[in-house]
Amino acid sequence: MKNFVILDELLNSDLVIFLIFGTIITFIIGLLVKKSKKKIIATIVLLIVYFGCEILIKIQNHYMMEFLLLFSGIIALGGVIGFGISMLFVRKRKDKGI
């Protein structure tokens, strides 16, 4: 966890609220988006944003910029989880014939 600053901070503090916020918002967006190709593209973009924040947070020395990168990375990680859950939810709903 030493290499992943955002994950380390997430597990050692109460910033899980922002992860839950990002997960709920993207889950709702994922239910509204019908094409799974768009969901996969959005998930890849959010992963790129997350890893970009991880890289930039190690370079930055300005406190406020690190803070913004931390929140952006956590919300992007929540977005990846939210889109993943929405893809599974829609797939199970299609399997049941609903």
C-alpha atoms as a PDB file:
ATOM      1  CA  MET A   1       0.000   0.000   0.000  1.00  0.00           C
ATOM      2  CA  LYS A   2       3.008   2.254   0.208  1.00  0.00           C
ATOM      3  CA  ASN A   3       2.915   2.774  -3.541  1.00  0.00           C
ATOM      4  CA  PHE A   4      -0.788   3.607  -3.699  1.00  0.00           C
ATOM      5  CA  VAL A   5      -1.167   6.817  -1.711  1.00  0.00           C
ATOM      6  CA  ILE A   6      -4.881   7.255  -2.357  1.00  0.00           C
ATOM      7  CA  LEU A   7      -5.780   3.685  -1.396  1.00  0.00           C
ATOM      8  CA  ASP A   8      -3.634   3.932   1.716  1.00  0.00           C
ATOM      9  CA  GLU A   9      -5.314   7.180   2.743  1.00  0.00           C
ATOM     10  CA  LEU A  10      -8.726   5.706   1.967  1.00  0.00           C
ATOM     11  CA  LEU A  11      -8.178   2.690   4.199  1.00  0.00           C
ATOM     12  CA  ASN A  12      -6.675   4.701   7.058  1.00  0.00           C
ATOM     13  CA  SER A  13      -9.223   7.517   7.302  1.00  0.00           C
ATOM     14  CA  ASP A  14     -12.904   8.306   7.056  1.00  0.00           C
ATOM     15  CA  LEU A  15     -12.821   9.288   3.387  1.00  0.00           C
ATOM     16  CA  VAL A  16     -14.958   6.263   2.528  1.00  0.00           C
ATOM     17  CA  ILE A  17     -17.894   8.678   2.311  1.00  0.00           C
ATOM     18  CA  PHE A  18     -16.510  10.050  -0.965  1.00  0.00           C
ATOM     19  CA  LEU A  19     -15.998   6.518  -2.290  1.00  0.00           C
ATOM     20  CA  ILE A  20     -19.630   5.699  -1.488  1.00  0.00           C
ATOM     21  CA  PHE A  21     -20.739   8.985  -3.083  1.00  0.00           C
ATOM     22  CA  GLY A  22     -18.876   8.192  -6.318  1.00  0.00           C
ATOM     23  CA  THR A  23     -20.212   4.637  -6.306  1.00  0.00           C
ATOM     24  CA  ILE A  24     -23.851   5.685  -5.895  1.00  0.00           C
ATOM     25  CA  ILE A  25     -23.696   8.416  -8.541  1.00  0.00           C
ATOM     26  CA  THR A  26     -22.037   6.211 -11.159  1.00  0.00           C
ATOM     27  CA  PHE A  27     -24.330   3.279 -10.328  1.00  0.00           C
ATOM     28  CA  ILE A  28     -27.322   5.473 -11.155  1.00  0.00           C
ATOM     29  CA  ILE A  29     -25.626   6.743 -14.323  1.00  0.00           C
ATOM     30  CA  GLY A  30     -24.748   3.147 -15.216  1.00  0.00           C
ATOM     31  CA  LEU A  31     -28.391   2.125 -14.959  1.00  0.00           C
ATOM     32  CA  LEU A  32     -29.404   4.988 -17.252  1.00  0.00           C
ATOM     33  CA  VAL A  33     -26.772   4.183 -19.899  1.00  0.00           C
ATOM     34  CA  LYS A  34     -28.018   1.246 -21.954  1.00  0.00           C
ATOM     35  CA  LYS A  35     -24.955   0.296 -23.982  1.00  0.00           C
ATOM     36  CA  SER A  36     -22.358  -1.719 -22.118  1.00  0.00           C
ATOM     37  CA  LYS A  37     -19.640  -0.491 -24.510  1.00  0.00           C
ATOM     38  CA  LYS A  38     -20.105   3.047 -23.156  1.00  0.00           C
ATOM     39  CA  LYS A  39     -19.918   1.724 -19.598  1.00  0.00           C
ATOM     40  CA  ILE A  40     -16.666  -0.069 -20.340  1.00  0.00           C
ATOM     41  CA  ILE A  41     -15.195   3.067 -21.930  1.00  0.00           C
ATOM     42  CA  ALA A  42     -16.290   5.139 -18.926  1.00  0.00           C
ATOM     43  CA  THR A  43     -14.736   2.603 -16.548  1.00  0.00           C
ATOM     44  CA  ILE A  44     -11.445   2.715 -18.448  1.00  0.00           C
ATOM     45  CA  VAL A  45     -11.466   6.529 -18.397  1.00  0.00           C
ATOM     46  CA  LEU A  46     -12.116   6.520 -14.647  1.00  0.00           C
ATOM     47  CA  LEU A  47      -9.251   4.063 -14.126  1.00  0.00           C
ATOM     48  CA  ILE A  48      -6.968   6.368 -16.101  1.00  0.00           C
ATOM     49  CA  VAL A  49      -8.118   9.311 -13.955  1.00  0.00           C
ATOM     50  CA  TYR A  50      -7.470   7.316 -10.782  1.00  0.00           C
ATOM     51  CA  PHE A  51      -3.976   6.227 -11.799  1.00  0.00           C
ATOM     52  CA  GLY A  52      -3.239   9.742 -13.050  1.00  0.00           C
ATOM     53  CA  CYS A  53      -4.159  11.083  -9.619  1.00  0.00           C
ATOM     54  CA  GLU A  54      -1.960   8.433  -7.978  1.00  0.00           C
ATOM     55  CA  ILE A  55       1.002   9.499 -10.109  1.00  0.00           C
ATOM     56  CA  LEU A  56       0.434  13.241  -9.740  1.00  0.00           C
ATOM     57  CA  ILE A  57      -0.091  13.097  -5.975  1.00  0.00           C
ATOM     58  CA  LYS A  58       3.445  11.731  -5.595  1.00  0.00           C
ATOM     59  CA  ILE A  59       4.874  14.609  -7.647  1.00  0.00           C
ATOM     60  CA  GLN A  60       2.902  17.515  -6.146  1.00  0.00           C
ATOM     61  CA  ASN A  61       4.236  19.502  -3.192  1.00  0.00           C
ATOM     62  CA  HIS A  62       1.331  21.910  -2.924  1.00  0.00           C
ATOM     63  CA  TYR A  63      -1.049  20.889  -0.133  1.00  0.00           C
ATOM     64  CA  MET A  64      -4.277  22.022  -1.792  1.00  0.00           C
ATOM     65  CA  MET A  65      -3.444  20.284  -5.071  1.00  0.00           C
ATOM     66  CA  GLU A  66      -2.712  17.040  -3.207  1.00  0.00           C
ATOM     67  CA  PHE A  67      -6.061  17.394  -1.450  1.00  0.00           C
ATOM     68  CA  LEU A  68      -7.933  17.854  -4.767  1.00  0.00           C
ATOM     69  CA  LEU A  69      -6.092  14.924  -6.321  1.00  0.00           C
ATOM     70  CA  LEU A  70      -6.958  12.775  -3.320  1.00  0.00           C
ATOM     71  CA  PHE A  71     -10.674  13.513  -3.611  1.00  0.00           C
ATOM     72  CA  SER A  72     -10.645  13.142  -7.406  1.00  0.00           C
ATOM     73  CA  GLY A  73      -8.895   9.786  -7.145  1.00  0.00           C
ATOM     74  CA  ILE A  74     -11.294   8.490  -4.506  1.00  0.00           C
ATOM     75  CA  ILE A  75     -14.366   9.547  -6.484  1.00  0.00           C
ATOM     76  CA  ALA A  76     -12.892   8.012  -9.666  1.00  0.00           C
ATOM     77  CA  LEU A  77     -12.278   4.760  -7.796  1.00  0.00           C
ATOM     78  CA  GLY A  78     -15.872   4.852  -6.577  1.00  0.00           C
ATOM     79  CA  GLY A  79     -16.936   5.397 -10.171  1.00  0.00           C
ATOM     80  CA  VAL A  80     -15.110   2.277 -11.290  1.00  0.00           C
ATOM     81  CA  ILE A  81     -16.899   0.299  -8.581  1.00  0.00           C
ATOM     82  CA  GLY A  82     -20.264   1.867  -9.451  1.00  0.00           C
ATOM     83  CA  PHE A  83     -20.028   1.089 -13.153  1.00  0.00           C
ATOM     84  CA  GLY A  84     -18.895  -2.451 -12.331  1.00  0.00           C
ATOM     85  CA  ILE A  85     -21.891  -3.016 -10.075  1.00  0.00           C
ATOM     86  CA  SER A  86     -24.280  -1.538 -12.649  1.00  0.00           C
ATOM     87  CA  MET A  87     -22.912  -3.850 -15.365  1.00  0.00           C
ATOM     88  CA  LEU A  88     -23.422  -6.879 -13.107  1.00  0.00           C
ATOM     89  CA  PHE A  89     -26.881  -5.673 -12.060  1.00  0.00           C
ATOM     90  CA  VAL A  90     -28.049  -5.205 -15.640  1.00  0.00           C
ATOM     91  CA  ARG A  91     -26.588  -8.573 -16.673  1.00  0.00           C
ATOM     92  CA  LYS A  92     -28.387 -10.412 -13.858  1.00  0.00           C
ATOM     93  CA  ARG A  93     -31.605  -8.563 -14.679  1.00  0.00           C
ATOM     94  CA  LYS A  94     -31.327  -9.671 -18.326  1.00  0.00           C
ATOM     95  CA  ASP A  95     -30.610 -13.272 -17.265  1.00  0.00           C
ATOM     96  CA  LYS A  96     -33.812 -13.357 -15.200  1.00  0.00           C
ATOM     97  CA  GLY A  97     -35.792 -11.895 -18.089  1.00  0.00           C
ATOM     98  CA  ILE A  98     -36.943  -8.771 -16.276  1.00  0.00           C
END
